[in-house]
Amino acid sequence: MLFDFLENYRDQLATHFALEEAFGYFDDPVDVAPHISEEVESLRSEHGDLYEAICGIVERAIDLLGESPTLAGFRDIANWLCQFDEHFQRHESRENELIMQAFNEDIGVGD
């Protein structure tokens, strides 16, 4: 069950990143606010790093629990997932902030 959850989570993240990149949610803000392009590229490059990180967690979990599951093993997996989630949440927050910055500063909020 845990393996299924981890593998499903990994696959959902792959889809999430692929959709973000395929549909270019940053394309319009970059066209309007070219000064954010470096941060946009930095955020896009994190997708690969984040995906590799979750793949590593899945592989380590399979190795750790495949042999002889222990409470310590489950704790390790939980810690890895918490660290990953913190990184992922910071990433998503930065994406949202950057989009809002572009729209508020360069497009304007209107009255």
C-alpha atoms as a PDB file:
ATOM      1  CA  MET A   1       0.000   0.000   0.000  1.00  0.00           C
ATOM      2  CA  LEU A   2       2.775   2.464   0.854  1.00  0.00           C
ATOM      3  CA  PHE A   3       4.588   1.565  -2.363  1.00  0.00           C
ATOM      4  CA  ASP A   4       1.402   2.151  -4.338  1.00  0.00           C
ATOM      5  CA  PHE A   5       0.966   5.547  -2.688  1.00  0.00           C
ATOM      6  CA  LEU A   6       4.566   6.561  -3.389  1.00  0.00           C
ATOM      7  CA  GLU A   7       4.468   5.395  -6.977  1.00  0.00           C
ATOM      8  CA  ASN A   8       1.126   7.128  -7.573  1.00  0.00           C
ATOM      9  CA  TYR A   9       2.454  10.353  -6.010  1.00  0.00           C
ATOM     10  CA  ARG A  10       5.558  10.193  -8.205  1.00  0.00           C
ATOM     11  CA  ASP A  11       3.420   9.677 -11.312  1.00  0.00           C
ATOM     12  CA  GLN A  12       1.092  12.548 -10.381  1.00  0.00           C
ATOM     13  CA  LEU A  13       4.069  14.871  -9.947  1.00  0.00           C
ATOM     14  CA  ALA A  14       5.379  13.839 -13.355  1.00  0.00           C
ATOM     15  CA  THR A  15       2.009  14.753 -14.856  1.00  0.00           C
ATOM     16  CA  HIS A  16       1.890  18.023 -12.918  1.00  0.00           C
ATOM     17  CA  PHE A  17       5.313  19.126 -14.169  1.00  0.00           C
ATOM     18  CA  ALA A  18       4.608  17.978 -17.722  1.00  0.00           C
ATOM     19  CA  LEU A  19       1.378  19.971 -17.829  1.00  0.00           C
ATOM     20  CA  GLU A  20       3.060  23.087 -16.438  1.00  0.00           C
ATOM     21  CA  GLU A  21       5.751  22.886 -19.081  1.00  0.00           C
ATOM     22  CA  ALA A  22       3.520  21.813 -21.982  1.00  0.00           C
ATOM     23  CA  PHE A  23       0.932  24.515 -21.503  1.00  0.00           C
ATOM     24  CA  GLY A  24       3.459  27.252 -20.781  1.00  0.00           C
ATOM     25  CA  TYR A  25       1.705  28.901 -17.879  1.00  0.00           C
ATOM     26  CA  PHE A  26       4.682  31.251 -17.649  1.00  0.00           C
ATOM     27  CA  ASP A  27       4.777  32.159 -21.330  1.00  0.00           C
ATOM     28  CA  ASP A  28       2.330  35.063 -21.105  1.00  0.00           C
ATOM     29  CA  PRO A  29       3.873  36.611 -17.978  1.00  0.00           C
ATOM     30  CA  VAL A  30       7.361  36.377 -19.534  1.00  0.00           C
ATOM     31  CA  ASP A  31       6.114  38.036 -22.718  1.00  0.00           C
ATOM     32  CA  VAL A  32       4.683  40.877 -20.666  1.00  0.00           C
ATOM     33  CA  ALA A  33       7.455  40.969 -18.044  1.00  0.00           C
ATOM     34  CA  PRO A  34      10.719  39.759 -19.613  1.00  0.00           C
ATOM     35  CA  HIS A  35      12.685  40.674 -16.475  1.00  0.00           C
ATOM     36  CA  ILE A  36      11.289  37.569 -14.741  1.00  0.00           C
ATOM     37  CA  SER A  37      12.597  35.162 -17.381  1.00  0.00           C
ATOM     38  CA  GLU A  38      15.659  34.122 -15.354  1.00  0.00           C
ATOM     39  CA  GLU A  39      13.549  33.145 -12.371  1.00  0.00           C
ATOM     40  CA  VAL A  40      11.086  31.370 -14.649  1.00  0.00           C
ATOM     41  CA  GLU A  41      13.911  29.276 -16.089  1.00  0.00           C
ATOM     42  CA  SER A  42      15.241  28.587 -12.600  1.00  0.00           C
ATOM     43  CA  LEU A  43      11.825  27.345 -11.508  1.00  0.00           C
ATOM     44  CA  ARG A  44      11.418  25.219 -14.630  1.00  0.00           C
ATOM     45  CA  SER A  45      14.798  23.621 -14.016  1.00  0.00           C
ATOM     46  CA  GLU A  46      13.645  22.629 -10.524  1.00  0.00           C
ATOM     47  CA  HIS A  47      11.007  20.344 -12.041  1.00  0.00           C
ATOM     48  CA  GLY A  48      13.662  17.821 -13.028  1.00  0.00           C
ATOM     49  CA  ASP A  49      15.357  18.061  -9.645  1.00  0.00           C
ATOM     50  CA  LEU A  50      12.090  17.582  -7.796  1.00  0.00           C
ATOM     51  CA  TYR A  51      11.127  14.630  -9.967  1.00  0.00           C
ATOM     52  CA  GLU A  52      14.514  12.996  -9.431  1.00  0.00           C
ATOM     53  CA  ALA A  53      14.141  13.539  -5.686  1.00  0.00           C
ATOM     54  CA  ILE A  54      10.751  11.811  -5.504  1.00  0.00           C
ATOM     55  CA  CYS A  55      12.044   8.967  -7.684  1.00  0.00           C
ATOM     56  CA  GLY A  56      14.947   8.562  -5.260  1.00  0.00           C
ATOM     57  CA  ILE A  57      12.559   8.407  -2.314  1.00  0.00           C
ATOM     58  CA  VAL A  58      10.488   5.727  -4.048  1.00  0.00           C
ATOM     59  CA  GLU A  59      13.597   3.667  -4.823  1.00  0.00           C
ATOM     60  CA  ARG A  60      14.989   4.002  -1.293  1.00  0.00           C
ATOM     61  CA  ALA A  61      11.609   3.067   0.184  1.00  0.00           C
ATOM     62  CA  ILE A  62      11.421  -0.040  -1.970  1.00  0.00           C
ATOM     63  CA  ASP A  63      14.962  -1.010  -0.987  1.00  0.00           C
ATOM     64  CA  LEU A  64      14.418  -0.234   2.687  1.00  0.00           C
ATOM     65  CA  LEU A  65      11.060  -1.905   3.094  1.00  0.00           C
ATOM     66  CA  GLY A  66      11.532  -4.667   0.549  1.00  0.00           C
ATOM     67  CA  GLU A  67      14.049  -6.479   2.689  1.00  0.00           C
ATOM     68  CA  SER A  68      12.587  -6.246   6.185  1.00  0.00           C
ATOM     69  CA  PRO A  69      10.244  -3.406   7.106  1.00  0.00           C
ATOM     70  CA  THR A  70      10.993  -1.718  10.403  1.00  0.00           C
ATOM     71  CA  LEU A  71       9.546   1.186  12.307  1.00  0.00           C
ATOM     72  CA  ALA A  72      12.820   3.045  11.747  1.00  0.00           C
ATOM     73  CA  GLY A  73      12.467   2.448   8.010  1.00  0.00           C
ATOM     74  CA  PHE A  74       8.978   3.925   7.996  1.00  0.00           C
ATOM     75  CA  ARG A  75      10.267   6.923   9.967  1.00  0.00           C
ATOM     76  CA  ASP A  76      13.030   7.452   7.416  1.00  0.00           C
ATOM     77  CA  ILE A  77      10.520   7.425   4.583  1.00  0.00           C
ATOM     78  CA  ALA A  78       8.288   9.875   6.454  1.00  0.00           C
ATOM     79  CA  ASN A  79      11.259  12.195   7.021  1.00  0.00           C
ATOM     80  CA  TRP A  80      12.282  12.043   3.364  1.00  0.00           C
ATOM     81  CA  LEU A  81       8.717  12.831   2.298  1.00  0.00           C
ATOM     82  CA  CYS A  82       8.497  15.758   4.731  1.00  0.00           C
ATOM     83  CA  GLN A  83      11.742  17.218   3.401  1.00  0.00           C
ATOM     84  CA  PHE A  84      10.573  16.709  -0.164  1.00  0.00           C
ATOM     85  CA  ASP A  85       7.209  18.311   0.594  1.00  0.00           C
ATOM     86  CA  GLU A  86       8.887  21.390   2.092  1.00  0.00           C
ATOM     87  CA  HIS A  87      10.979  21.814  -1.070  1.00  0.00           C
ATOM     88  CA  PHE A  88       7.973  21.199  -3.330  1.00  0.00           C
ATOM     89  CA  GLN A  89       5.764  23.663  -1.409  1.00  0.00           C
ATOM     90  CA  ARG A  90       8.475  26.364  -1.576  1.00  0.00           C
ATOM     91  CA  HIS A  91       8.762  25.750  -5.311  1.00  0.00           C
ATOM     92  CA  GLU A  92       5.012  26.014  -5.901  1.00  0.00           C
ATOM     93  CA  SER A  93       4.790  29.111  -3.718  1.00  0.00           C
ATOM     94  CA  ARG A  94       7.583  30.790  -5.694  1.00  0.00           C
ATOM     95  CA  GLU A  95       5.792  29.965  -8.952  1.00  0.00           C
ATOM     96  CA  ASN A  96       2.558  31.479  -7.682  1.00  0.00           C
ATOM     97  CA  GLU A  97       4.295  34.571  -6.340  1.00  0.00           C
ATOM     98  CA  LEU A  98       6.130  35.106  -9.605  1.00  0.00           C
ATOM     99  CA  ILE A  99       2.944  34.886 -11.643  1.00  0.00           C
ATOM    100  CA  MET A 100       1.182  37.316  -9.311  1.00  0.00           C
ATOM    101  CA  GLN A 101       4.160  39.687  -9.424  1.00  0.00           C
ATOM    102  CA  ALA A 102       4.151  39.699 -13.201  1.00  0.00           C
ATOM    103  CA  PHE A 103       0.441  40.360 -13.412  1.00  0.00           C
ATOM    104  CA  ASN A 104       0.358  42.974 -10.643  1.00  0.00           C
ATOM    105  CA  GLU A 105       3.456  44.928 -11.658  1.00  0.00           C
ATOM    106  CA  ASP A 106       3.506  44.618 -15.408  1.00  0.00           C
ATOM    107  CA  ILE A 107      -0.069  44.026 -16.425  1.00  0.00           C
ATOM    108  CA  GLY A 108      -1.628  45.978 -13.565  1.00  0.00           C
ATOM    109  CA  VAL A 109      -4.462  45.150 -11.246  1.00  0.00           C
ATOM    110  CA  GLY A 110      -6.890  47.711 -12.633  1.00  0.00           C
ATOM    111  CA  ASP A 111      -9.558  49.551 -10.726  1.00  0.00           C
END
